Amino acid sequence: MIVTVFRNRLNPGVQDEYGPMAKLMSELARGIPGYIAHKGFVAEDGERVTVVEFESGEAMRAWRIHPEHAQAKRRGIESFFSEYKYQICNVIRERSWLAKDRSEARSA
């Protein structure tokens, strides 16, 4: 799995324009073969972080060169972001855990 961590800060006054573009990019990313998931967060200090997961480097590259995504990246640099940073990472180890529904466990 390949994970991209995209960190950025928006310029003042661009949220109304940025929001619809970000929504479109989310929809387009879901259509890339090998896409797994993505989720975004905004910190109290205004930093925005998006974590994107793809099955492989090839899938991630397909997203990187997608024409509409490439155009959005250029627009982000030219208009939306006061700063940004991204890191592309290989997953070395993964572990997950999900608690059972406690009411189900008691009645069983």
Protein backbone atom coordinates (compact mmCIF):
# COMPACT_ATOMS: atom_id res chain seq x y z
CA MET A 1 0.00 0.00 0.00
CA ILE A 2 1.11 3.56 -0.76
CA VAL A 3 0.05 6.37 1.56
CA THR A 4 0.26 10.04 0.66
CA VAL A 5 0.15 12.62 3.43
CA PHE A 6 -0.74 16.02 1.98
CA ARG A 7 -0.42 19.01 4.32
CA ASN A 8 -1.40 22.54 3.37
CA ARG A 9 -2.70 25.90 4.48
CA LEU A 10 -5.23 27.88 2.48
CA ASN A 11 -4.84 31.51 1.55
CA PRO A 12 -7.46 33.76 3.15
CA GLY A 13 -10.74 34.06 1.27
CA VAL A 14 -10.38 31.03 -1.04
CA GLN A 15 -12.53 28.49 0.84
CA ASP A 16 -15.64 29.11 -1.30
CA GLU A 17 -13.67 28.31 -4.46
CA TYR A 18 -11.51 25.58 -2.95
CA GLY A 19 -14.36 23.55 -1.42
CA PRO A 20 -16.07 22.53 -4.69
CA MET A 21 -12.73 21.72 -6.32
CA ALA A 22 -11.72 19.54 -3.36
CA LYS A 23 -15.06 17.73 -3.56
CA LEU A 24 -14.55 17.06 -7.27
CA MET A 25 -11.02 15.75 -6.62
CA SER A 26 -12.43 13.39 -3.97
CA GLU A 27 -14.94 12.00 -6.45
CA LEU A 28 -12.30 11.60 -9.17
CA ALA A 29 -9.83 9.88 -6.82
CA ARG A 30 -12.46 7.26 -5.93
CA GLY A 31 -12.61 6.33 -9.63
CA ILE A 32 -8.91 5.51 -9.94
CA PRO A 33 -8.31 1.73 -10.10
CA GLY A 34 -6.36 0.82 -6.96
CA TYR A 35 -7.78 3.67 -4.86
CA ILE A 36 -8.47 2.52 -1.30
CA ALA A 37 -9.53 5.55 0.75
CA HIS A 38 -8.81 9.13 1.74
CA LYS A 39 -9.74 11.38 4.61
CA GLY A 40 -9.05 15.01 5.42
CA PHE A 41 -8.62 16.85 8.70
CA VAL A 42 -8.24 20.48 9.71
CA ALA A 43 -6.14 21.31 12.78
CA GLU A 44 -6.98 24.09 15.22
CA ASP A 45 -4.17 26.21 13.75
CA GLY A 46 -5.67 25.95 10.25
CA GLU A 47 -3.34 23.34 8.81
CA ARG A 48 -5.18 20.88 6.58
CA VAL A 49 -4.05 17.25 6.28
CA THR A 50 -5.32 14.69 3.79
CA VAL A 51 -4.28 11.04 3.99
CA VAL A 52 -4.73 9.08 0.76
CA GLU A 53 -4.29 5.31 0.34
CA PHE A 54 -3.68 3.44 -2.91
CA GLU A 55 -3.02 -0.26 -3.45
CA SER A 56 0.21 0.35 -5.36
CA GLY A 57 2.64 2.90 -6.69
CA GLU A 58 1.12 2.45 -10.15
CA ALA A 59 -2.33 3.40 -8.83
CA MET A 60 -0.91 6.42 -7.05
CA ARG A 61 0.93 7.48 -10.22
CA ALA A 62 -2.30 7.18 -12.21
CA TRP A 63 -3.86 9.66 -9.79
CA ARG A 64 -0.82 11.95 -9.86
CA ILE A 65 -0.98 12.29 -13.67
CA HIS A 66 -4.79 12.38 -13.98
CA PRO A 67 -5.39 15.50 -16.15
CA GLU A 68 -7.99 17.13 -13.88
CA HIS A 69 -5.91 16.40 -10.78
CA ALA A 70 -2.81 17.88 -12.45
CA GLN A 71 -4.81 21.01 -13.27
CA ALA A 72 -6.10 21.23 -9.68
CA LYS A 73 -2.56 20.90 -8.32
CA ARG A 74 -1.41 23.81 -10.50
CA ARG A 75 -4.37 25.88 -9.35
CA GLY A 76 -3.60 25.06 -5.73
CA ILE A 77 -0.05 26.33 -6.08
CA GLU A 78 -1.09 29.44 -8.02
CA SER A 79 -4.17 30.43 -6.00
CA PHE A 80 -5.23 28.35 -3.02
CA PHE A 81 -2.25 27.40 -0.87
CA SER A 82 0.01 29.62 1.17
CA GLU A 83 2.10 26.51 1.81
CA TYR A 84 1.95 22.79 1.16
CA LYS A 85 3.98 19.64 1.65
CA TYR A 86 3.36 16.06 0.67
CA GLN A 87 5.01 12.81 1.61
CA ILE A 88 4.56 9.55 -0.28
CA CYS A 89 5.16 6.53 1.92
CA ASN A 90 5.30 2.76 1.58
CA VAL A 91 3.42 0.94 4.30
CA ILE A 92 5.92 -1.28 6.10
CA ARG A 93 3.55 -2.78 8.62
CA GLU A 94 -0.17 -2.49 9.21
CA ARG A 95 -2.29 -3.57 12.12
CA SER A 96 -5.90 -2.79 12.88
CA TRP A 97 -8.38 -3.59 15.60
CA LEU A 98 -12.10 -3.07 15.85
CA ALA A 99 -14.00 -3.35 19.13
CA LYS A 100 -16.98 -5.66 19.11
CA ASP A 101 -20.36 -4.15 19.76
CA ARG A 102 -20.52 -4.44 23.56
CA SER A 103 -24.31 -4.89 23.67
CA GLU A 104 -23.96 -7.78 21.23
CA ALA A 105 -21.18 -9.33 23.33
CA ARG A 106 -23.29 -9.19 26.53
CA SER A 107 -26.32 -10.83 24.97
CA ALA A 108 -24.35 -13.65 23.38
